[in-house]
Amino acid sequence: MDRYMTISEVSRQFQVSARMLRHYEKLGLLESERREDYAYRTYGPEAVRRVRQIVILRKLQIPLKKIREMMDGAREDAVRILEERLRDVDGSAEAVEAMRGALVRLLELLRAEEGEPLDALDGPEAEGLVRLLPMEKHRLKEENPMSVTKEMIEKDSCVRILVLPPCTVAAYQYIGEEPESHLQAMDDFIRNSGLYVRKPDARYFGFNHPDPEEGSKVYGYEVWVTIPEDMEVPEPLVKKQFPGGLYAAYAISFPDFFEWQFLFQWAERNELYEPAMSPPEEKNMGGALEEHLNWVYATHMNLTGRGVDGKLDLLLPIRRREK
């Protein structure tokens, strides 16, 4: 008899988060089932088979859009996509080898030179080595298409500077495994209170709290929704005052959270601003926020997936650099 598995069992077997499994389902890559003899939705043999396929292809750094194309298309489509990926890998290997050779030679020049430490970088041989280094984009890390050269410069123009004003928020925190999947209390509050009618400009934020610790699957996720100052909130929600602040904002599509790396590096090398993270002991993602765009409206309208376009703003706290 074919065995049906819960989302937790599938998550453990394939080392992929429940949040990501739900995203795969939303994209139409797999389907869960509601069985009469079970209280929760389950994954049948065909869905489990698809999860296995997705995990393998993602580890080969095949984008989800391409995986959908491979699953829905003919054998020729799958062959073409894998051939494209192989060419990418070959190009990346060549880029890494060229960079390694340049680094080894530059180290030799620096160790042999006297005088200022970087004088060797002014010589004709160093210039020749630099000309050999590729400038095009290469995907060298899992789920991270970011280049530290051309692509980062192009993406810089998409970073906005925001001032979040002080406001009153209703807050809800859940601590456990996959805490982002246990936030129904906040959605219920938004609908039952008629928040969107009372405050159509309400905004929805989330952040890790406490942060994940290495080796542990248990961590926290806290969500805030802005509310009128005189509005009461029911338990288990609590009312808080958010002081606001200055943030660098960068829009992503779910689940491209690897872009946090780009945004932090943007602030590290920006001439006007620098990161202004909260102390590590606060365990709140350094004070960074994830704003779930259109979430309040979508929850109010009871839209499928509680979202409109799957977009989030990554908000990194920043401050002006001292001159």
C-alpha atoms as a PDB file:
ATOM      1  CA  MET A   1       0.000   0.000   0.000  1.00  0.00           C
ATOM      2  CA  ASP A   2       1.368   3.414  -0.929  1.00  0.00           C
ATOM      3  CA  ARG A   3       2.087   5.506   2.138  1.00  0.00           C
ATOM      4  CA  TYR A   4       0.877   9.078   2.563  1.00  0.00           C
ATOM      5  CA  MET A   5       3.183  11.505   4.354  1.00  0.00           C
ATOM      6  CA  THR A   6       2.537  14.672   6.357  1.00  0.00           C
ATOM      7  CA  ILE A   7       4.260  17.929   5.454  1.00  0.00           C
ATOM      8  CA  SER A   8       6.539  17.516   8.501  1.00  0.00           C
ATOM      9  CA  GLU A   9       7.592  14.032   7.385  1.00  0.00           C
ATOM     10  CA  VAL A  10       8.333  15.215   3.852  1.00  0.00           C
ATOM     11  CA  SER A  11      10.227  18.222   5.242  1.00  0.00           C
ATOM     12  CA  ARG A  12      12.437  15.986   7.410  1.00  0.00           C
ATOM     13  CA  GLN A  13      13.041  13.361   4.722  1.00  0.00           C
ATOM     14  CA  PHE A  14      14.161  15.819   2.047  1.00  0.00           C
ATOM     15  CA  GLN A  15      15.602  18.569   4.306  1.00  0.00           C
ATOM     16  CA  VAL A  16      13.373  21.253   2.776  1.00  0.00           C
ATOM     17  CA  SER A  17      11.282  23.627   4.890  1.00  0.00           C
ATOM     18  CA  ALA A  18       7.510  23.343   5.162  1.00  0.00           C
ATOM     19  CA  ARG A  19       7.345  26.953   4.023  1.00  0.00           C
ATOM     20  CA  MET A  20       9.150  26.030   0.813  1.00  0.00           C
ATOM     21  CA  LEU A  21       6.942  22.987   0.246  1.00  0.00           C
ATOM     22  CA  ARG A  22       3.876  25.223   0.426  1.00  0.00           C
ATOM     23  CA  HIS A  23       5.532  27.561  -2.059  1.00  0.00           C
ATOM     24  CA  TYR A  24       6.128  24.660  -4.459  1.00  0.00           C
ATOM     25  CA  GLU A  25       2.458  23.748  -4.124  1.00  0.00           C
ATOM     26  CA  LYS A  26       1.378  27.343  -4.758  1.00  0.00           C
ATOM     27  CA  LEU A  27       3.434  27.320  -7.967  1.00  0.00           C
ATOM     28  CA  GLY A  28       1.658  24.166  -9.100  1.00  0.00           C
ATOM     29  CA  LEU A  29       4.736  21.942  -8.890  1.00  0.00           C
ATOM     30  CA  LEU A  30       2.970  19.438  -6.601  1.00  0.00           C
ATOM     31  CA  GLU A  31      -0.360  18.863  -4.869  1.00  0.00           C
ATOM     32  CA  SER A  32      -1.324  17.798  -1.356  1.00  0.00           C
ATOM     33  CA  GLU A  33      -4.472  15.814  -0.585  1.00  0.00           C
ATOM     34  CA  ARG A  34      -7.127  15.862   2.129  1.00  0.00           C
ATOM     35  CA  ARG A  35      -7.809  12.282   3.228  1.00  0.00           C
ATOM     36  CA  GLU A  36     -11.050  11.344   4.967  1.00  0.00           C
ATOM     37  CA  ASP A  37      -9.274   9.423   7.704  1.00  0.00           C
ATOM     38  CA  TYR A  38      -6.750  12.151   8.512  1.00  0.00           C
ATOM     39  CA  ALA A  39      -7.083  15.632   9.983  1.00  0.00           C
ATOM     40  CA  TYR A  40      -4.281  17.218   7.967  1.00  0.00           C
ATOM     41  CA  ARG A  41      -3.416  17.518   4.302  1.00  0.00           C
ATOM     42  CA  THR A  42      -0.972  14.852   3.172  1.00  0.00           C
ATOM     43  CA  TYR A  43       1.346  14.128   0.276  1.00  0.00           C
ATOM     44  CA  GLY A  44       0.716  11.012  -1.763  1.00  0.00           C
ATOM     45  CA  PRO A  45       3.332   8.918  -3.616  1.00  0.00           C
ATOM     46  CA  GLU A  46       3.197  11.090  -6.755  1.00  0.00           C
ATOM     47  CA  ALA A  47       3.669  14.316  -4.763  1.00  0.00           C
ATOM     48  CA  VAL A  48       6.575  12.786  -2.819  1.00  0.00           C
ATOM     49  CA  ARG A  49       8.153  11.702  -6.110  1.00  0.00           C
ATOM     50  CA  ARG A  50       7.862  15.273  -7.384  1.00  0.00           C
ATOM     51  CA  VAL A  51       9.427  16.668  -4.207  1.00  0.00           C
ATOM     52  CA  ARG A  52      12.394  14.345  -4.751  1.00  0.00           C
ATOM     53  CA  GLN A  53      12.737  15.584  -8.332  1.00  0.00           C
ATOM     54  CA  ILE A  54      12.497  19.243  -7.291  1.00  0.00           C
ATOM     55  CA  VAL A  55      15.111  18.836  -4.544  1.00  0.00           C
ATOM     56  CA  ILE A  56      17.588  17.197  -6.928  1.00  0.00           C
ATOM     57  CA  LEU A  57      17.076  19.856  -9.611  1.00  0.00           C
ATOM     58  CA  ARG A  58      17.319  22.715  -7.089  1.00  0.00           C
ATOM     59  CA  LYS A  59      20.625  21.303  -5.834  1.00  0.00           C
ATOM     60  CA  LEU A  60      21.760  21.503  -9.448  1.00  0.00           C
ATOM     61  CA  GLN A  61      20.699  25.196  -9.260  1.00  0.00           C
ATOM     62  CA  ILE A  62      17.895  24.856 -11.780  1.00  0.00           C
ATOM     63  CA  PRO A  63      15.424  27.767 -11.281  1.00  0.00           C
ATOM     64  CA  LEU A  64      11.884  26.860 -10.232  1.00  0.00           C
ATOM     65  CA  LYS A  65      10.494  28.344 -13.443  1.00  0.00           C
ATOM     66  CA  LYS A  66      12.706  25.996 -15.444  1.00  0.00           C
ATOM     67  CA  ILE A  67      11.740  23.035 -13.236  1.00  0.00           C
ATOM     68  CA  ARG A  68       8.076  23.739 -13.976  1.00  0.00           C
ATOM     69  CA  GLU A  69       8.967  23.796 -17.679  1.00  0.00           C
ATOM     70  CA  MET A  70      10.762  20.465 -17.359  1.00  0.00           C
ATOM     71  CA  MET A  71       7.855  18.853 -15.532  1.00  0.00           C
ATOM     72  CA  ASP A  72       5.196  20.098 -17.940  1.00  0.00           C
ATOM     73  CA  GLY A  73       7.171  19.862 -21.171  1.00  0.00           C
ATOM     74  CA  ALA A  74       8.601  17.155 -23.376  1.00  0.00           C
ATOM     75  CA  ARG A  75      11.879  15.275 -22.923  1.00  0.00           C
ATOM     76  CA  GLU A  76      13.532  17.682 -25.376  1.00  0.00           C
ATOM     77  CA  ASP A  77      12.710  20.611 -23.049  1.00  0.00           C
ATOM     78  CA  ALA A  78      14.380  18.877 -20.095  1.00  0.00           C
ATOM     79  CA  VAL A  79      17.454  18.064 -22.191  1.00  0.00           C
ATOM     80  CA  ARG A  80      17.728  21.679 -23.396  1.00  0.00           C
ATOM     81  CA  ILE A  81      17.484  23.105 -19.859  1.00  0.00           C
ATOM     82  CA  LEU A  82      20.103  20.708 -18.489  1.00  0.00           C
ATOM     83  CA  GLU A  83      22.429  21.527 -21.396  1.00  0.00           C
ATOM     84  CA  GLU A  84      22.042  25.250 -20.613  1.00  0.00           C
ATOM     85  CA  ARG A  85      22.880  24.593 -16.950  1.00  0.00           C
ATOM     86  CA  LEU A  86      25.926  22.540 -17.932  1.00  0.00           C
ATOM     87  CA  ARG A  87      27.210  25.450 -20.026  1.00  0.00           C
ATOM     88  CA  ASP A  88      26.732  27.750 -17.024  1.00  0.00           C
ATOM     89  CA  VAL A  89      28.725  25.364 -14.809  1.00  0.00           C
ATOM     90  CA  ASP A  90      31.536  25.080 -17.366  1.00  0.00           C
ATOM     91  CA  GLY A  91      31.696  28.874 -17.607  1.00  0.00           C
ATOM     92  CA  SER A  92      31.767  29.225 -13.822  1.00  0.00           C
ATOM     93  CA  ALA A  93      34.586  26.680 -13.539  1.00  0.00           C
ATOM     94  CA  GLU A  94      36.646  28.617 -16.070  1.00  0.00           C
ATOM     95  CA  ALA A  95      35.988  31.881 -14.219  1.00  0.00           C
ATOM     96  CA  VAL A  96      37.024  30.390 -10.874  1.00  0.00           C
ATOM     97  CA  GLU A  97      40.197  28.906 -12.356  1.00  0.00           C
ATOM     98  CA  ALA A  98      41.146  32.235 -13.969  1.00  0.00           C
ATOM     99  CA  MET A  99      40.555  34.052 -10.690  1.00  0.00           C
ATOM    100  CA  ARG A 100      42.604  31.524  -8.748  1.00  0.00           C
ATOM    101  CA  GLY A 101      45.516  31.865 -11.155  1.00  0.00           C
ATOM    102  CA  ALA A 102      45.380  35.662 -10.910  1.00  0.00           C
ATOM    103  CA  LEU A 103      45.291  35.558  -7.096  1.00  0.00           C
ATOM    104  CA  VAL A 104      48.285  33.199  -6.917  1.00  0.00           C
ATOM    105  CA  ARG A 105      50.351  35.443  -9.222  1.00  0.00           C
ATOM    106  CA  LEU A 106      49.367  38.646  -7.415  1.00  0.00           C
ATOM    107  CA  LEU A 107      50.378  37.069  -4.102  1.00  0.00           C
ATOM    108  CA  GLU A 108      53.774  36.250  -5.603  1.00  0.00           C
ATOM    109  CA  LEU A 109      54.173  39.864  -6.775  1.00  0.00           C
ATOM    110  CA  LEU A 110      53.158  41.297  -3.408  1.00  0.00           C
ATOM    111  CA  ARG A 111      55.559  39.028  -1.492  1.00  0.00           C
ATOM    112  CA  ALA A 112      58.455  39.892  -3.795  1.00  0.00           C
ATOM    113  CA  GLU A 113      57.960  43.692  -3.804  1.00  0.00           C
ATOM    114  CA  GLU A 114      59.461  46.148  -1.353  1.00  0.00           C
ATOM    115  CA  GLY A 115      58.013  49.517  -0.397  1.00  0.00           C
ATOM    116  CA  GLU A 116      54.290  50.148  -0.063  1.00  0.00           C
ATOM    117  CA  PRO A 117      52.175  46.978   0.309  1.00  0.00           C
ATOM    118  CA  LEU A 118      50.159  47.463  -2.882  1.00  0.00           C
ATOM    119  CA  ASP A 119      52.866  48.824  -5.193  1.00  0.00           C
ATOM    120  CA  ALA A 120      52.809  45.528  -7.076  1.00  0.00           C
ATOM    121  CA  LEU A 121      49.289  46.290  -8.245  1.00  0.00           C
ATOM    122  CA  ASP A 122      50.582  49.226 -10.297  1.00  0.00           C
ATOM    123  CA  GLY A 123      52.905  47.173 -12.488  1.00  0.00           C
ATOM    124  CA  PRO A 124      52.261  46.052 -16.076  1.00  0.00           C
ATOM    125  CA  GLU A 125      52.039  42.361 -15.113  1.00  0.00           C
ATOM    126  CA  ALA A 126      49.294  43.064 -12.585  1.00  0.00           C
ATOM    127  CA  GLU A 127      47.365  45.030 -15.214  1.00  0.00           C
ATOM    128  CA  GLY A 128      47.645  42.112 -17.593  1.00  0.00           C
ATOM    129  CA  LEU A 129      46.291  39.715 -14.982  1.00  0.00           C
ATOM    130  CA  VAL A 130      43.316  41.956 -14.268  1.00  0.00           C
ATOM    131  CA  ARG A 131      42.438  42.064 -17.955  1.00  0.00           C
ATOM    132  CA  LEU A 132      42.214  38.267 -17.936  1.00  0.00           C
ATOM    133  CA  LEU A 133      39.592  38.186 -15.173  1.00  0.00           C
ATOM    134  CA  PRO A 134      36.008  37.720 -16.424  1.00  0.00           C
ATOM    135  CA  MET A 135      33.514  40.468 -15.665  1.00  0.00           C
ATOM    136  CA  GLU A 136      30.342  38.675 -16.738  1.00  0.00           C
ATOM    137  CA  LYS A 137      27.848  37.149 -14.351  1.00  0.00           C
ATOM    138  CA  HIS A 138      28.484  33.640 -12.998  1.00  0.00           C
ATOM    139  CA  ARG A 139      26.415  31.648 -10.551  1.00  0.00           C
ATOM    140  CA  LEU A 140      28.910  30.349  -8.075  1.00  0.00           C
ATOM    141  CA  LYS A 141      26.686  29.661  -5.063  1.00  0.00           C
ATOM    142  CA  GLU A 142      23.404  27.861  -4.408  1.00  0.00           C
ATOM    143  CA  GLU A 143      20.442  30.125  -5.084  1.00  0.00           C
ATOM    144  CA  ASN A 144      22.691  33.192  -5.311  1.00  0.00           C
ATOM    145  CA  PRO A 145      22.965  34.707  -8.789  1.00  0.00           C
ATOM    146  CA  MET A 146      24.656  37.817  -7.419  1.00  0.00           C
ATOM    147  CA  SER A 147      27.859  39.077  -8.977  1.00  0.00           C
ATOM    148  CA  VAL A 148      29.989  41.504  -7.011  1.00  0.00           C
ATOM    149  CA  THR A 149      30.616  43.523 -10.141  1.00  0.00           C
ATOM    150  CA  LYS A 150      28.221  44.296 -12.935  1.00  0.00           C
ATOM    151  CA  GLU A 151      25.007  42.849 -11.495  1.00  0.00           C
ATOM    152  CA  MET A 152      25.431  44.445  -8.082  1.00  0.00           C
ATOM    153  CA  ILE A 153      25.959  47.843  -9.694  1.00  0.00           C
ATOM    154  CA  GLU A 154      22.793  47.371 -11.754  1.00  0.00           C
ATOM    155  CA  LYS A 155      20.821  46.328  -8.675  1.00  0.00           C
ATOM    156  CA  ASP A 156      22.046  49.288  -6.616  1.00  0.00           C
ATOM    157  CA  SER A 157      19.590  51.563  -8.411  1.00  0.00           C
ATOM    158  CA  CYS A 158      16.708  49.438  -7.082  1.00  0.00           C
ATOM    159  CA  VAL A 159      17.536  50.151  -3.425  1.00  0.00           C
ATOM    160  CA  ARG A 160      15.278  52.809  -1.902  1.00  0.00           C
ATOM    161  CA  ILE A 161      15.796  54.840   1.253  1.00  0.00           C
ATOM    162  CA  LEU A 162      12.747  54.814   3.532  1.00  0.00           C
ATOM    163  CA  VAL A 163      11.876  56.584   6.752  1.00  0.00           C
ATOM    164  CA  LEU A 164       9.401  54.483   8.732  1.00  0.00           C
ATOM    165  CA  PRO A 165       7.492  56.772  11.098  1.00  0.00           C
ATOM    166  CA  PRO A 166       6.727  55.866  14.720  1.00  0.00           C
ATOM    167  CA  CYS A 167       3.534  53.830  14.939  1.00  0.00           C
ATOM    168  CA  THR A 168       1.405  51.527  17.073  1.00  0.00           C
ATOM    169  CA  VAL A 169       1.444  47.836  16.133  1.00  0.00           C
ATOM    170  CA  ALA A 170      -0.354  44.657  17.076  1.00  0.00           C
ATOM    171  CA  ALA A 171       2.346  42.005  17.525  1.00  0.00           C
ATOM    172  CA  TYR A 172       2.231  38.215  17.510  1.00  0.00           C
ATOM    173  CA  GLN A 173       5.147  35.847  18.091  1.00  0.00           C
ATOM    174  CA  TYR A 174       5.394  32.097  17.602  1.00  0.00           C
ATOM    175  CA  ILE A 175       8.377  29.991  18.714  1.00  0.00           C
ATOM    176  CA  GLY A 176       8.840  26.458  17.404  1.00  0.00           C
ATOM    177  CA  GLU A 177       9.684  24.596  14.213  1.00  0.00           C
ATOM    178  CA  GLU A 178       8.677  26.456  11.032  1.00  0.00           C
ATOM    179  CA  PRO A 179       7.211  29.411  12.990  1.00  0.00           C
ATOM    180  CA  GLU A 180       6.280  31.286   9.773  1.00  0.00           C
ATOM    181  CA  SER A 181       3.624  28.614   9.232  1.00  0.00           C
ATOM    182  CA  HIS A 182       1.873  29.326  12.563  1.00  0.00           C
ATOM    183  CA  LEU A 183       0.691  32.913  12.205  1.00  0.00           C
ATOM    184  CA  GLN A 184      -3.039  32.325  11.769  1.00  0.00           C
ATOM    185  CA  ALA A 185      -3.799  34.339  14.924  1.00  0.00           C
ATOM    186  CA  MET A 186      -2.668  37.525  13.180  1.00  0.00           C
ATOM    187  CA  ASP A 187      -4.727  36.818  10.057  1.00  0.00           C
ATOM    188  CA  ASP A 188      -7.788  36.155  12.211  1.00  0.00           C
ATOM    189  CA  PHE A 189      -7.263  39.471  13.989  1.00  0.00           C
ATOM    190  CA  ILE A 190      -6.998  41.392  10.710  1.00  0.00           C
ATOM    191  CA  ARG A 191     -10.273  39.927   9.425  1.00  0.00           C
ATOM    192  CA  ASN A 192     -12.271  39.901  12.660  1.00  0.00           C
ATOM    193  CA  SER A 193     -11.335  43.470  13.624  1.00  0.00           C
ATOM    194  CA  GLY A 194     -12.089  44.900  10.197  1.00  0.00           C
ATOM    195  CA  LEU A 195      -8.642  46.471  10.336  1.00  0.00           C
ATOM    196  CA  TYR A 196      -8.420  47.183   6.621  1.00  0.00           C
ATOM    197  CA  VAL A 197     -11.663  49.176   6.776  1.00  0.00           C
ATOM    198  CA  ARG A 198     -10.496  51.175   9.785  1.00  0.00           C
ATOM    199  CA  LYS A 199      -6.936  51.597   8.509  1.00  0.00           C
ATOM    200  CA  PRO A 200      -6.568  50.989   4.747  1.00  0.00           C
ATOM    201  CA  ASP A 201      -2.889  51.990   4.925  1.00  0.00           C
ATOM    202  CA  ALA A 202      -2.062  49.292   7.501  1.00  0.00           C
ATOM    203  CA  ARG A 203       1.313  47.611   6.935  1.00  0.00           C
ATOM    204  CA  TYR A 204       2.506  44.112   7.819  1.00  0.00           C
ATOM    205  CA  PHE A 205       6.065  43.308   8.971  1.00  0.00           C
ATOM    206  CA  GLY A 206       7.836  40.151  10.087  1.00  0.00           C
ATOM    207  CA  PHE A 207      11.251  39.156  11.450  1.00  0.00           C
ATOM    208  CA  ASN A 208      13.032  36.297  13.196  1.00  0.00           C
ATOM    209  CA  HIS A 209      12.711  36.555  16.992  1.00  0.00           C
ATOM    210  CA  PRO A 210      14.589  34.816  18.454  1.00  0.00           C
ATOM    211  CA  ASP A 211      17.014  34.136  15.617  1.00  0.00           C
ATOM    212  CA  PRO A 212      17.704  30.528  14.567  1.00  0.00           C
ATOM    213  CA  GLU A 213      20.653  28.904  16.306  1.00  0.00           C
ATOM    214  CA  GLU A 214      22.988  26.464  14.604  1.00  0.00           C
ATOM    215  CA  GLY A 215      21.892  22.866  15.098  1.00  0.00           C
ATOM    216  CA  SER A 216      18.379  23.750  16.300  1.00  0.00           C
ATOM    217  CA  LYS A 217      15.160  23.726  14.273  1.00  0.00           C
ATOM    218  CA  VAL A 218      13.357  25.799  16.900  1.00  0.00           C
ATOM    219  CA  TYR A 219      13.329  29.562  16.509  1.00  0.00           C
ATOM    220  CA  GLY A 220      10.820  32.395  16.549  1.00  0.00           C
ATOM    221  CA  TYR A 221       9.059  34.598  14.034  1.00  0.00           C
ATOM    222  CA  GLU A 222       7.258  37.766  15.069  1.00  0.00           C
ATOM    223  CA  VAL A 223       4.789  39.695  12.942  1.00  0.00           C
ATOM    224  CA  TRP A 224       3.474  43.235  13.337  1.00  0.00           C
ATOM    225  CA  VAL A 225       0.543  44.993  11.751  1.00  0.00           C
ATOM    226  CA  THR A 226       0.125  48.740  12.164  1.00  0.00           C
ATOM    227  CA  ILE A 227      -3.123  49.723  13.913  1.00  0.00           C
ATOM    228  CA  PRO A 228      -4.914  52.895  15.080  1.00  0.00           C
ATOM    229  CA  GLU A 229      -3.448  54.119  18.352  1.00  0.00           C
ATOM    230  CA  ASP A 230      -6.728  53.626  20.259  1.00  0.00           C
ATOM    231  CA  MET A 231      -7.399  50.122  18.932  1.00  0.00           C
ATOM    232  CA  GLU A 232      -7.473  47.254  21.432  1.00  0.00           C
ATOM    233  CA  VAL A 233      -5.937  43.876  20.559  1.00  0.00           C
ATOM    234  CA  PRO A 234      -6.999  40.460  21.894  1.00  0.00           C
ATOM    235  CA  GLU A 235      -4.678  37.877  23.392  1.00  0.00           C
ATOM    236  CA  PRO A 236      -2.364  36.268  22.346  1.00  0.00           C
ATOM    237  CA  LEU A 237      -1.539  39.478  20.423  1.00  0.00           C
ATOM    238  CA  VAL A 238       0.069  42.363  22.283  1.00  0.00           C
ATOM    239  CA  LYS A 239       0.147  46.078  21.600  1.00  0.00           C
ATOM    240  CA  LYS A 240       3.545  47.703  21.021  1.00  0.00           C
ATOM    241  CA  GLN A 241       5.044  51.043  20.036  1.00  0.00           C
ATOM    242  CA  PHE A 242       7.471  50.983  17.122  1.00  0.00           C
ATOM    243  CA  PRO A 243       9.891  53.950  17.161  1.00  0.00           C
ATOM    244  CA  GLY A 244      10.414  53.897  13.384  1.00  0.00           C
ATOM    245  CA  GLY A 245      13.734  54.643  11.750  1.00  0.00           C
ATOM    246  CA  LEU A 246      15.791  54.869   8.583  1.00  0.00           C
ATOM    247  CA  TYR A 247      15.914  51.806   6.315  1.00  0.00           C
ATOM    248  CA  ALA A 248      17.325  50.636   3.008  1.00  0.00           C
ATOM    249  CA  ALA A 249      14.544  48.819   1.133  1.00  0.00           C
ATOM    250  CA  TYR A 250      14.871  46.230  -1.612  1.00  0.00           C
ATOM    251  CA  ALA A 251      11.903  44.374  -3.151  1.00  0.00           C
ATOM    252  CA  ILE A 252      12.126  40.615  -3.737  1.00  0.00           C
ATOM    253  CA  SER A 253       9.855  37.846  -4.942  1.00  0.00           C
ATOM    254  CA  PHE A 254       9.180  35.090  -2.432  1.00  0.00           C
ATOM    255  CA  PRO A 255      11.282  33.086  -1.552  1.00  0.00           C
ATOM    256  CA  ASP A 256      14.454  34.941  -2.678  1.00  0.00           C
ATOM    257  CA  PHE A 257      15.693  35.636   0.853  1.00  0.00           C
ATOM    258  CA  PHE A 258      19.298  35.151  -0.274  1.00  0.00           C
ATOM    259  CA  GLU A 259      18.997  38.800  -1.417  1.00  0.00           C
ATOM    260  CA  TRP A 260      19.563  39.853   2.196  1.00  0.00           C
ATOM    261  CA  GLN A 261      23.268  39.311   1.433  1.00  0.00           C
ATOM    262  CA  PHE A 262      23.142  41.795  -1.428  1.00  0.00           C
ATOM    263  CA  LEU A 263      21.319  44.446   0.628  1.00  0.00           C
ATOM    264  CA  PHE A 264      23.774  44.185   3.528  1.00  0.00           C
ATOM    265  CA  GLN A 265      26.743  44.405   1.146  1.00  0.00           C
ATOM    266  CA  TRP A 266      25.114  47.435  -0.488  1.00  0.00           C
ATOM    267  CA  ALA A 267      25.057  49.194   2.887  1.00  0.00           C
ATOM    268  CA  GLU A 268      28.620  48.089   3.692  1.00  0.00           C
ATOM    269  CA  ARG A 269      30.035  49.741   0.566  1.00  0.00           C
ATOM    270  CA  ASN A 270      27.654  52.703   0.253  1.00  0.00           C
ATOM    271  CA  GLU A 271      29.323  56.117   0.574  1.00  0.00           C
ATOM    272  CA  LEU A 272      26.430  57.808   2.387  1.00  0.00           C
ATOM    273  CA  TYR A 273      24.933  55.062   4.576  1.00  0.00           C
ATOM    274  CA  GLU A 274      26.082  52.156   6.708  1.00  0.00           C
ATOM    275  CA  PRO A 275      24.254  49.284   8.507  1.00  0.00           C
ATOM    276  CA  ALA A 276      22.780  50.183  11.902  1.00  0.00           C
ATOM    277  CA  MET A 277      22.042  46.730  13.292  1.00  0.00           C
ATOM    278  CA  SER A 278      20.760  46.084  16.799  1.00  0.00           C
ATOM    279  CA  PRO A 279      23.027  44.146  19.231  1.00  0.00           C
ATOM    280  CA  PRO A 280      23.289  40.361  18.617  1.00  0.00           C
ATOM    281  CA  GLU A 281      21.960  39.606  22.101  1.00  0.00           C
ATOM    282  CA  GLU A 282      18.558  40.968  21.067  1.00  0.00           C
ATOM    283  CA  LYS A 283      18.244  38.017  18.629  1.00  0.00           C
ATOM    284  CA  ASN A 284      15.851  39.933  16.377  1.00  0.00           C
ATOM    285  CA  MET A 285      17.546  39.714  12.963  1.00  0.00           C
ATOM    286  CA  GLY A 286      19.621  42.786  13.808  1.00  0.00           C
ATOM    287  CA  GLY A 287      16.518  44.975  13.707  1.00  0.00           C
ATOM    288  CA  ALA A 288      15.894  44.166  10.025  1.00  0.00           C
ATOM    289  CA  LEU A 289      12.309  43.722   8.846  1.00  0.00           C
ATOM    290  CA  GLU A 290      10.489  41.868   6.083  1.00  0.00           C
ATOM    291  CA  GLU A 291       7.456  43.819   4.903  1.00  0.00           C
ATOM    292  CA  HIS A 292       4.847  41.531   3.334  1.00  0.00           C
ATOM    293  CA  LEU A 293       3.383  43.809   0.668  1.00  0.00           C
ATOM    294  CA  ASN A 294      -0.424  43.865   0.249  1.00  0.00           C
ATOM    295  CA  TRP A 295      -0.786  41.258   3.020  1.00  0.00           C
ATOM    296  CA  VAL A 296      -3.417  43.188   5.023  1.00  0.00           C
ATOM    297  CA  TYR A 297      -5.572  43.718   1.952  1.00  0.00           C
ATOM    298  CA  ALA A 298      -5.188  40.086   0.868  1.00  0.00           C
ATOM    299  CA  THR A 299      -6.096  38.777   4.321  1.00  0.00           C
ATOM    300  CA  HIS A 300      -9.101  41.116   4.483  1.00  0.00           C
ATOM    301  CA  MET A 301     -10.260  39.769   1.098  1.00  0.00           C
ATOM    302  CA  ASN A 302      -9.458  36.165   2.130  1.00  0.00           C
ATOM    303  CA  LEU A 303      -7.355  35.718  -1.005  1.00  0.00           C
ATOM    304  CA  THR A 304      -5.701  32.351  -1.644  1.00  0.00           C
ATOM    305  CA  GLY A 305      -2.196  32.234  -0.256  1.00  0.00           C
ATOM    306  CA  ARG A 306      -2.805  35.470   1.691  1.00  0.00           C
ATOM    307  CA  GLY A 307      -0.890  37.433  -0.889  1.00  0.00           C
ATOM    308  CA  VAL A 308      -1.370  39.378  -4.087  1.00  0.00           C
ATOM    309  CA  ASP A 309       1.860  39.267  -6.062  1.00  0.00           C
ATOM    310  CA  GLY A 310       4.260  37.362  -3.817  1.00  0.00           C
ATOM    311  CA  LYS A 311       6.414  40.447  -3.218  1.00  0.00           C
ATOM    312  CA  LEU A 312       8.231  41.469  -0.039  1.00  0.00           C
ATOM    313  CA  ASP A 313      10.392  44.412   0.912  1.00  0.00           C
ATOM    314  CA  LEU A 314      13.620  43.628   2.746  1.00  0.00           C
ATOM    315  CA  LEU A 315      14.210  46.527   5.157  1.00  0.00           C
ATOM    316  CA  LEU A 316      17.726  46.969   6.542  1.00  0.00           C
ATOM    317  CA  PRO A 317      18.260  49.544   9.320  1.00  0.00           C
ATOM    318  CA  ILE A 318      20.863  52.126   8.271  1.00  0.00           C
ATOM    319  CA  ARG A 319      22.343  55.447   9.392  1.00  0.00           C
ATOM    320  CA  ARG A 320      24.345  58.230   7.799  1.00  0.00           C
ATOM    321  CA  ARG A 321      28.059  57.633   7.702  1.00  0.00           C
ATOM    322  CA  GLU A 322      30.155  59.988   9.756  1.00  0.00           C
ATOM    323  CA  LYS A 323      32.407  62.192   7.647  1.00  0.00           C
END
